[in-house]
Amino acid sequence: NHHICCSGNPDAVRQDANYQSLFPQVTPGLEGLA
């Protein structure tokens, strides 16, 4: 987000507070995708 907010393997990024503040919700219907 103009700078690197967080980085790591996908699962670690998904659980990072910085990621969650940018993407607070999973798109409905995609919770189990990939």
PDB file of all heavy atoms in Angstrom:
ATOM      1  N   ASN A   1       0.871  -1.180   0.000  1.00  0.00           N
ATOM      2  CA  ASN A   1       0.000   0.000   0.000  1.00  0.00           C
ATOM      3  C   ASN A   1       0.907   1.228   0.000  1.00  0.00           C
ATOM      4  O   ASN A   1       1.051   1.926   0.995  1.00  0.00           O
ATOM      5  CB  ASN A   1      -0.937   0.011   1.204  1.00  0.00           C
ATOM      6  CG  ASN A   1      -2.027   1.062   1.074  1.00  0.00           C
ATOM      7  OD1 ASN A   1      -2.313   1.530  -0.032  1.00  0.00           O
ATOM      8  ND2 ASN A   1      -2.623   1.455   2.179  1.00  0.00           N
ATOM      9  N   HIS A   2       1.585   1.422  -1.142  1.00  0.00           N
ATOM     10  CA  HIS A   2       2.630   2.435  -1.346  1.00  0.00           C
ATOM     11  C   HIS A   2       3.941   2.038  -0.674  1.00  0.00           C
ATOM     12  O   HIS A   2       5.007   2.363  -1.157  1.00  0.00           O
ATOM     13  CB  HIS A   2       2.181   3.830  -0.896  1.00  0.00           C
ATOM     14  CG  HIS A   2       0.909   4.277  -1.545  1.00  0.00           C
ATOM     15  ND1 HIS A   2       0.817   4.505  -2.891  1.00  0.00           N
ATOM     16  CD2 HIS A   2      -0.324   4.499  -1.031  1.00  0.00           C
ATOM     17  CE1 HIS A   2      -0.431   4.861  -3.193  1.00  0.00           C
ATOM     18  NE2 HIS A   2      -1.142   4.853  -2.080  1.00  0.00           N
ATOM     19  N   HIS A   3       3.856   1.344   0.457  1.00  0.00           N
ATOM     20  CA  HIS A   3       5.012   0.735   1.095  1.00  0.00           C
ATOM     21  C   HIS A   3       4.631  -0.722   1.394  1.00  0.00           C
ATOM     22  O   HIS A   3       3.486  -1.107   1.204  1.00  0.00           O
ATOM     23  CB  HIS A   3       5.380   1.473   2.391  1.00  0.00           C
ATOM     24  CG  HIS A   3       4.322   1.364   3.440  1.00  0.00           C
ATOM     25  ND1 HIS A   3       3.149   2.104   3.413  1.00  0.00           N
ATOM     26  CD2 HIS A   3       4.224   0.556   4.538  1.00  0.00           C
ATOM     27  CE1 HIS A   3       2.398   1.782   4.448  1.00  0.00           C
ATOM     28  NE2 HIS A   3       3.018   0.843   5.148  1.00  0.00           N
ATOM     29  N   ILE A   4       5.586  -1.505   1.829  1.00  0.00           N
ATOM     30  CA  ILE A   4       5.285  -2.889   2.163  1.00  0.00           C
ATOM     31  C   ILE A   4       4.699  -2.940   3.570  1.00  0.00           C
ATOM     32  O   ILE A   4       5.373  -2.629   4.550  1.00  0.00           O
ATOM     33  CB  ILE A   4       6.533  -3.776   2.050  1.00  0.00           C
ATOM     34  CG1 ILE A   4       6.979  -3.857   0.576  1.00  0.00           C
ATOM     35  CG2 ILE A   4       6.244  -5.180   2.589  1.00  0.00           C
ATOM     36  CD1 ILE A   4       8.230  -4.683   0.355  1.00  0.00           C
ATOM     37  N   CYS A   5       3.432  -3.342   3.631  1.00  0.00           N
ATOM     38  CA  CYS A   5       2.739  -3.427   4.924  1.00  0.00           C
ATOM     39  C   CYS A   5       3.115  -4.700   5.669  1.00  0.00           C
ATOM     40  O   CYS A   5       3.260  -4.686   6.898  1.00  0.00           O
ATOM     41  CB  CYS A   5       1.223  -3.410   4.710  1.00  0.00           C
ATOM     42  SG  CYS A   5       0.616  -1.971   3.828  1.00  0.00           S
ATOM     43  N   CYS A   6       3.237  -5.805   4.943  1.00  0.00           N
ATOM     44  CA  CYS A   6       3.632  -7.079   5.517  1.00  0.00           C
ATOM     45  C   CYS A   6       4.028  -8.011   4.399  1.00  0.00           C
ATOM     46  O   CYS A   6       3.704  -7.773   3.228  1.00  0.00           O
ATOM     47  CB  CYS A   6       2.494  -7.683   6.361  1.00  0.00           C
ATOM     48  SG  CYS A   6       0.932  -7.928   5.467  1.00  0.00           S
ATOM     49  N   SER A   7       4.734  -9.074   4.735  1.00  0.00           N
ATOM     50  CA  SER A   7       5.137 -10.057   3.730  1.00  0.00           C
ATOM     51  C   SER A   7       5.394 -11.382   4.417  1.00  0.00           C
ATOM     52  O   SER A   7       5.601 -11.458   5.624  1.00  0.00           O
ATOM     53  CB  SER A   7       6.392  -9.590   2.977  1.00  0.00           C
ATOM     54  OG  SER A   7       7.497  -9.500   3.853  1.00  0.00           O
ATOM     55  N   GLY A   8       5.373 -12.448   3.617  1.00  0.00           N
ATOM     56  CA  GLY A   8       5.597 -13.785   4.150  1.00  0.00           C
ATOM     57  C   GLY A   8       4.855 -14.802   3.332  1.00  0.00           C
ATOM     58  O   GLY A   8       4.410 -14.517   2.222  1.00  0.00           O
ATOM     59  N   ASN A   9       4.723 -16.019   3.875  1.00  0.00           N
ATOM     60  CA  ASN A   9       3.932 -16.998   3.147  1.00  0.00           C
ATOM     61  C   ASN A   9       2.456 -16.582   3.201  1.00  0.00           C
ATOM     62  O   ASN A   9       2.061 -15.779   4.059  1.00  0.00           O
ATOM     63  CB  ASN A   9       4.171 -18.415   3.685  1.00  0.00           C
ATOM     64  CG  ASN A   9       3.613 -18.630   5.083  1.00  0.00           C
ATOM     65  OD1 ASN A   9       2.406 -18.519   5.313  1.00  0.00           O
ATOM     66  ND2 ASN A   9       4.482 -18.950   6.024  1.00  0.00           N
ATOM     67  N   PRO A  10       1.633 -17.076   2.287  1.00  0.00           N
ATOM     68  CA  PRO A  10       0.253 -16.590   2.182  1.00  0.00           C
ATOM     69  C   PRO A  10      -0.553 -16.677   3.476  1.00  0.00           C
ATOM     70  O   PRO A  10      -1.300 -15.766   3.812  1.00  0.00           O
ATOM     71  CB  PRO A  10      -0.354 -17.474   1.090  1.00  0.00           C
ATOM     72  CG  PRO A  10       0.816 -17.833   0.237  1.00  0.00           C
ATOM     73  CD  PRO A  10       1.959 -18.021   1.184  1.00  0.00           C
ATOM     74  N   ASP A  11      -0.391 -17.778   4.212  1.00  0.00           N
ATOM     75  CA  ASP A  11      -1.177 -17.932   5.422  1.00  0.00           C
ATOM     76  C   ASP A  11      -0.782 -16.906   6.477  1.00  0.00           C
ATOM     77  O   ASP A  11      -1.637 -16.357   7.181  1.00  0.00           O
ATOM     78  CB  ASP A  11      -1.007 -19.350   5.973  1.00  0.00           C
ATOM     79  CG  ASP A  11      -2.061 -19.702   6.992  1.00  0.00           C
ATOM     80  OD1 ASP A  11      -3.254 -19.483   6.709  1.00  0.00           O
ATOM     81  OD2 ASP A  11      -1.694 -20.185   8.085  1.00  0.00           O
ATOM     82  N   ALA A  12       0.523 -16.617   6.575  1.00  0.00           N
ATOM     83  CA  ALA A  12       0.989 -15.631   7.546  1.00  0.00           C
ATOM     84  C   ALA A  12       0.484 -14.233   7.194  1.00  0.00           C
ATOM     85  O   ALA A  12       0.082 -13.460   8.072  1.00  0.00           O
ATOM     86  CB  ALA A  12       2.521 -15.639   7.611  1.00  0.00           C
ATOM     87  N   VAL A  13       0.501 -13.898   5.911  1.00  0.00           N
ATOM     88  CA  VAL A  13       0.019 -12.580   5.485  1.00  0.00           C
ATOM     89  C   VAL A  13      -1.471 -12.449   5.755  1.00  0.00           C
ATOM     90  O   VAL A  13      -1.945 -11.407   6.221  1.00  0.00           O
ATOM     91  CB  VAL A  13       0.338 -12.339   3.992  1.00  0.00           C
ATOM     92  CG1 VAL A  13      -0.402 -11.112   3.457  1.00  0.00           C
ATOM     93  CG2 VAL A  13       1.840 -12.178   3.799  1.00  0.00           C
ATOM     94  N   ARG A  14      -2.218 -13.490   5.489  1.00  0.00           N
ATOM     95  CA  ARG A  14      -3.659 -13.452   5.695  1.00  0.00           C
ATOM     96  C   ARG A  14      -4.008 -13.159   7.157  1.00  0.00           C
ATOM     97  O   ARG A  14      -5.017 -12.520   7.446  1.00  0.00           O
ATOM     98  CB  ARG A  14      -4.286 -14.780   5.261  1.00  0.00           C
ATOM     99  CG  ARG A  14      -5.808 -14.789   5.319  1.00  0.00           C
ATOM    100  CD  ARG A  14      -6.388 -16.085   4.821  1.00  0.00           C
ATOM    101  NE  ARG A  14      -5.937 -17.222   5.622  1.00  0.00           N
ATOM    102  CZ  ARG A  14      -6.395 -18.459   5.445  1.00  0.00           C
ATOM    103  NH1 ARG A  14      -7.261 -18.715   4.482  1.00  0.00           N
ATOM    104  NH2 ARG A  14      -5.961 -19.445   6.199  1.00  0.00           N
ATOM    105  N   GLN A  15      -3.164 -13.604   8.074  1.00  0.00           N
ATOM    106  CA  GLN A  15      -3.429 -13.413   9.492  1.00  0.00           C
ATOM    107  C   GLN A  15      -2.808 -12.141  10.056  1.00  0.00           C
ATOM    108  O   GLN A  15      -3.015 -11.808  11.224  1.00  0.00           O
ATOM    109  CB  GLN A  15      -2.908 -14.625  10.279  1.00  0.00           C
ATOM    110  CG  GLN A  15      -3.596 -15.929   9.903  1.00  0.00           C
ATOM    111  CD  GLN A  15      -3.054 -17.124  10.661  1.00  0.00           C
ATOM    112  OE1 GLN A  15      -2.908 -17.077  11.878  1.00  0.00           O
ATOM    113  NE2 GLN A  15      -2.747 -18.194   9.946  1.00  0.00           N
ATOM    114  N   ASP A  16      -2.048 -11.414   9.218  1.00  0.00           N
ATOM    115  CA  ASP A  16      -1.392 -10.199   9.685  1.00  0.00           C
ATOM    116  C   ASP A  16      -2.406  -9.070   9.854  1.00  0.00           C
ATOM    117  O   ASP A  16      -3.284  -8.869   9.015  1.00  0.00           O
ATOM    118  CB  ASP A  16      -0.306  -9.783   8.681  1.00  0.00           C
ATOM    119  CG  ASP A  16       0.584  -8.685   9.215  1.00  0.00           C
ATOM    120  OD1 ASP A  16       0.146  -7.510   9.198  1.00  0.00           O
ATOM    121  OD2 ASP A  16       1.707  -9.000   9.637  1.00  0.00           O
ATOM    122  N   ALA A  17      -2.277  -8.292  10.933  1.00  0.00           N
ATOM    123  CA  ALA A  17      -3.219  -7.204  11.225  1.00  0.00           C
ATOM    124  C   ALA A  17      -3.223  -6.149  10.132  1.00  0.00           C
ATOM    125  O   ALA A  17      -4.268  -5.555   9.831  1.00  0.00           O
ATOM    126  CB  ALA A  17      -2.881  -6.572  12.570  1.00  0.00           C
ATOM    127  N   ASN A  18      -2.068  -5.893   9.507  1.00  0.00           N
ATOM    128  CA  ASN A  18      -2.003  -4.892   8.439  1.00  0.00           C
ATOM    129  C   ASN A  18      -2.805  -5.347   7.224  1.00  0.00           C
ATOM    130  O   ASN A  18      -3.514  -4.550   6.608  1.00  0.00           O
ATOM    131  CB  ASN A  18      -0.548  -4.643   8.035  1.00  0.00           C
ATOM    132  CG  ASN A  18       0.240  -3.950   9.110  1.00  0.00           C
ATOM    133  OD1 ASN A  18      -0.086  -2.837   9.519  1.00  0.00           O
ATOM    134  ND2 ASN A  18       1.289  -4.610   9.604  1.00  0.00           N
ATOM    135  N   TYR A  19      -2.697  -6.626   6.890  1.00  0.00           N
ATOM    136  CA  TYR A  19      -3.486  -7.161   5.783  1.00  0.00           C
ATOM    137  C   TYR A  19      -4.975  -7.094   6.110  1.00  0.00           C
ATOM    138  O   TYR A  19      -5.797  -6.686   5.282  1.00  0.00           O
ATOM    139  CB  TYR A  19      -3.074  -8.603   5.486  1.00  0.00           C
ATOM    140  CG  TYR A  19      -4.025  -9.315   4.554  1.00  0.00           C
ATOM    141  CD1 TYR A  19      -3.985  -9.089   3.186  1.00  0.00           C
ATOM    142  CD2 TYR A  19      -4.990 -10.197   5.050  1.00  0.00           C
ATOM    143  CE1 TYR A  19      -4.866  -9.727   2.325  1.00  0.00           C
ATOM    144  CE2 TYR A  19      -5.876 -10.835   4.195  1.00  0.00           C
ATOM    145  CZ  TYR A  19      -5.806 -10.591   2.837  1.00  0.00           C
ATOM    146  OH  TYR A  19      -6.682 -11.212   1.999  1.00  0.00           O
ATOM    147  N   GLN A  20      -5.326  -7.486   7.314  1.00  0.00           N
ATOM    148  CA  GLN A  20      -6.732  -7.521   7.697  1.00  0.00           C
ATOM    149  C   GLN A  20      -7.351  -6.128   7.729  1.00  0.00           C
ATOM    150  O   GLN A  20      -8.549  -5.967   7.469  1.00  0.00           O
ATOM    151  CB  GLN A  20      -6.876  -8.205   9.061  1.00  0.00           C
ATOM    152  CG  GLN A  20      -6.548  -9.687   9.008  1.00  0.00           C
ATOM    153  CD  GLN A  20      -6.597 -10.347  10.369  1.00  0.00           C
ATOM    154  OE1 GLN A  20      -6.934  -9.722  11.367  1.00  0.00           O
ATOM    155  NE2 GLN A  20      -6.254 -11.631  10.416  1.00  0.00           N
ATOM    156  N   SER A  21      -6.544  -5.103   7.999  1.00  0.00           N
ATOM    157  CA  SER A  21      -7.080  -3.736   7.985  1.00  0.00           C
ATOM    158  C   SER A  21      -7.345  -3.257   6.562  1.00  0.00           C
ATOM    159  O   SER A  21      -8.244  -2.441   6.329  1.00  0.00           O
ATOM    160  CB  SER A  21      -6.108  -2.778   8.685  1.00  0.00           C
ATOM    161  OG  SER A  21      -4.918  -2.612   7.935  1.00  0.00           O
ATOM    162  N   LEU A  22      -6.576  -3.767   5.602  1.00  0.00           N
ATOM    163  CA  LEU A  22      -6.788  -3.402   4.200  1.00  0.00           C
ATOM    164  C   LEU A  22      -7.888  -4.232   3.558  1.00  0.00           C
ATOM    165  O   LEU A  22      -8.606  -3.757   2.678  1.00  0.00           O
ATOM    166  CB  LEU A  22      -5.486  -3.585   3.406  1.00  0.00           C
ATOM    167  CG  LEU A  22      -4.368  -2.573   3.668  1.00  0.00           C
ATOM    168  CD1 LEU A  22      -3.100  -3.000   2.945  1.00  0.00           C
ATOM    169  CD2 LEU A  22      -4.774  -1.180   3.231  1.00  0.00           C
ATOM    170  N   PHE A  23      -8.004  -5.486   3.981  1.00  0.00           N
ATOM    171  CA  PHE A  23      -8.989  -6.411   3.427  1.00  0.00           C
ATOM    172  C   PHE A  23      -9.781  -7.023   4.573  1.00  0.00           C
ATOM    173  O   PHE A  23      -9.556  -8.175   4.953  1.00  0.00           O
ATOM    174  CB  PHE A  23      -8.292  -7.512   2.619  1.00  0.00           C
ATOM    175  CG  PHE A  23      -7.437  -7.000   1.499  1.00  0.00           C
ATOM    176  CD1 PHE A  23      -6.072  -6.794   1.672  1.00  0.00           C
ATOM    177  CD2 PHE A  23      -7.990  -6.722   0.257  1.00  0.00           C
ATOM    178  CE1 PHE A  23      -5.283  -6.325   0.645  1.00  0.00           C
ATOM    179  CE2 PHE A  23      -7.203  -6.256  -0.781  1.00  0.00           C
ATOM    180  CZ  PHE A  23      -5.849  -6.047  -0.593  1.00  0.00           C
ATOM    181  N   PRO A  24     -10.711  -6.266   5.144  1.00  0.00           N
ATOM    182  CA  PRO A  24     -11.394  -6.726   6.361  1.00  0.00           C
ATOM    183  C   PRO A  24     -12.339  -7.887   6.165  1.00  0.00           C
ATOM    184  O   PRO A  24     -12.676  -8.572   7.118  1.00  0.00           O
ATOM    185  CB  PRO A  24     -12.156  -5.483   6.826  1.00  0.00           C
ATOM    186  CG  PRO A  24     -12.348  -4.664   5.583  1.00  0.00           C
ATOM    187  CD  PRO A  24     -11.114  -4.905   4.754  1.00  0.00           C
ATOM    188  N   GLN A  25     -12.792  -8.126   4.939  1.00  0.00           N
ATOM    189  CA  GLN A  25     -13.757  -9.189   4.715  1.00  0.00           C
ATOM    190  C   GLN A  25     -13.369 -10.029   3.510  1.00  0.00           C
ATOM    191  O   GLN A  25     -12.866  -9.509   2.519  1.00  0.00           O
ATOM    192  CB  GLN A  25     -15.167  -8.623   4.477  1.00  0.00           C
ATOM    193  CG  GLN A  25     -15.752  -7.927   5.695  1.00  0.00           C
ATOM    194  CD  GLN A  25     -17.152  -7.405   5.411  1.00  0.00           C
ATOM    195  OE1 GLN A  25     -17.500  -7.131   4.268  1.00  0.00           O
ATOM    196  NE2 GLN A  25     -17.946  -7.261   6.452  1.00  0.00           N
ATOM    197  N   VAL A  26     -13.628 -11.303   3.628  1.00  0.00           N
ATOM    198  CA  VAL A  26     -13.464 -12.202   2.480  1.00  0.00           C
ATOM    199  C   VAL A  26     -14.660 -12.033   1.562  1.00  0.00           C
ATOM    200  O   VAL A  26     -15.793 -11.894   2.029  1.00  0.00           O
ATOM    201  CB  VAL A  26     -13.378 -13.670   2.961  1.00  0.00           C
ATOM    202  CG1 VAL A  26     -13.256 -14.617   1.774  1.00  0.00           C
ATOM    203  CG2 VAL A  26     -12.215 -13.848   3.915  1.00  0.00           C
ATOM    204  N   THR A  27     -14.430 -12.021   0.271  1.00  0.00           N
ATOM    205  CA  THR A  27     -15.531 -11.925  -0.681  1.00  0.00           C
ATOM    206  C   THR A  27     -16.521 -13.058  -0.448  1.00  0.00           C
ATOM    207  O   THR A  27     -16.122 -14.217  -0.373  1.00  0.00           O
ATOM    208  CB  THR A  27     -15.005 -12.010  -2.131  1.00  0.00           C
ATOM    209  OG1 THR A  27     -14.038 -10.978  -2.310  1.00  0.00           O
ATOM    210  CG2 THR A  27     -16.139 -11.827  -3.123  1.00  0.00           C
ATOM    211  N   PRO A  28     -17.813 -12.757  -0.270  1.00  0.00           N
ATOM    212  CA  PRO A  28     -18.799 -13.806  -0.010  1.00  0.00           C
ATOM    213  C   PRO A  28     -18.743 -14.915  -1.059  1.00  0.00           C
ATOM    214  O   PRO A  28     -18.675 -14.652  -2.251  1.00  0.00           O
ATOM    215  CB  PRO A  28     -20.141 -13.049  -0.088  1.00  0.00           C
ATOM    216  CG  PRO A  28     -19.786 -11.640   0.252  1.00  0.00           C
ATOM    217  CD  PRO A  28     -18.414 -11.417  -0.330  1.00  0.00           C
ATOM    218  N   GLY A  29     -18.739 -16.160  -0.547  1.00  0.00           N
ATOM    219  CA  GLY A  29     -18.718 -17.305  -1.450  1.00  0.00           C
ATOM    220  C   GLY A  29     -17.333 -17.796  -1.789  1.00  0.00           C
ATOM    221  O   GLY A  29     -17.166 -18.851  -2.383  1.00  0.00           O
ATOM    222  N   LEU A  30     -16.274 -17.029  -1.395  1.00  0.00           N
ATOM    223  CA  LEU A  30     -14.914 -17.434  -1.743  1.00  0.00           C
ATOM    224  C   LEU A  30     -14.125 -17.916  -0.529  1.00  0.00           C
ATOM    225  O   LEU A  30     -12.917 -18.115  -0.616  1.00  0.00           O
ATOM    226  CB  LEU A  30     -14.160 -16.252  -2.387  1.00  0.00           C
ATOM    227  CG  LEU A  30     -14.742 -15.685  -3.663  1.00  0.00           C
ATOM    228  CD1 LEU A  30     -13.811 -14.618  -4.218  1.00  0.00           C
ATOM    229  CD2 LEU A  30     -14.956 -16.772  -4.702  1.00  0.00           C
ATOM    230  N   GLU A  31     -14.799 -18.092   0.601  1.00  0.00           N
ATOM    231  CA  GLU A  31     -14.087 -18.398   1.825  1.00  0.00           C
ATOM    232  C   GLU A  31     -13.208 -19.635   1.713  1.00  0.00           C
ATOM    233  O   GLU A  31     -12.133 -19.709   2.286  1.00  0.00           O
ATOM    234  CB  GLU A  31     -15.087 -18.598   2.982  1.00  0.00           C
ATOM    235  CG  GLU A  31     -15.852 -17.330   3.367  1.00  0.00           C
ATOM    236  CD  GLU A  31     -17.106 -17.123   2.531  1.00  0.00           C
ATOM    237  OE1 GLU A  31     -17.282 -17.843   1.532  1.00  0.00           O
ATOM    238  OE2 GLU A  31     -17.912 -16.248   2.895  1.00  0.00           O
ATOM    239  N   GLY A  32     -13.675 -20.627   0.964  1.00  0.00           N
ATOM    240  CA  GLY A  32     -12.921 -21.873   0.879  1.00  0.00           C
ATOM    241  C   GLY A  32     -12.150 -22.044  -0.400  1.00  0.00           C
ATOM    242  O   GLY A  32     -11.623 -23.117  -0.659  1.00  0.00           O
ATOM    243  N   LEU A  33     -12.050 -21.025  -1.214  1.00  0.00           N
ATOM    244  CA  LEU A  33     -11.429 -21.162  -2.527  1.00  0.00           C
ATOM    245  C   LEU A  33      -9.918 -21.235  -2.425  1.00  0.00           C
ATOM    246  O   LEU A  33      -9.291 -20.481  -1.695  1.00  0.00           O
ATOM    247  CB  LEU A  33     -11.811 -19.985  -3.414  1.00  0.00           C
ATOM    248  CG  LEU A  33     -11.295 -20.031  -4.854  1.00  0.00           C
ATOM    249  CD1 LEU A  33     -11.903 -21.215  -5.593  1.00  0.00           C
ATOM    250  CD2 LEU A  33     -11.600 -18.742  -5.560  1.00  0.00           C
ATOM    251  N   ALA A  34      -9.335 -22.159  -3.168  1.00  0.00           N
ATOM    252  CA  ALA A  34      -7.887 -22.284  -3.296  1.00  0.00           C
ATOM    253  C   ALA A  34      -7.183 -22.315  -1.952  1.00  0.00           C
ATOM    254  O   ALA A  34      -6.371 -21.459  -1.642  1.00  0.00           O
ATOM    255  CB  ALA A  34      -7.324 -21.133  -4.162  1.00  0.00           C
TER     256      ALA A  34
END
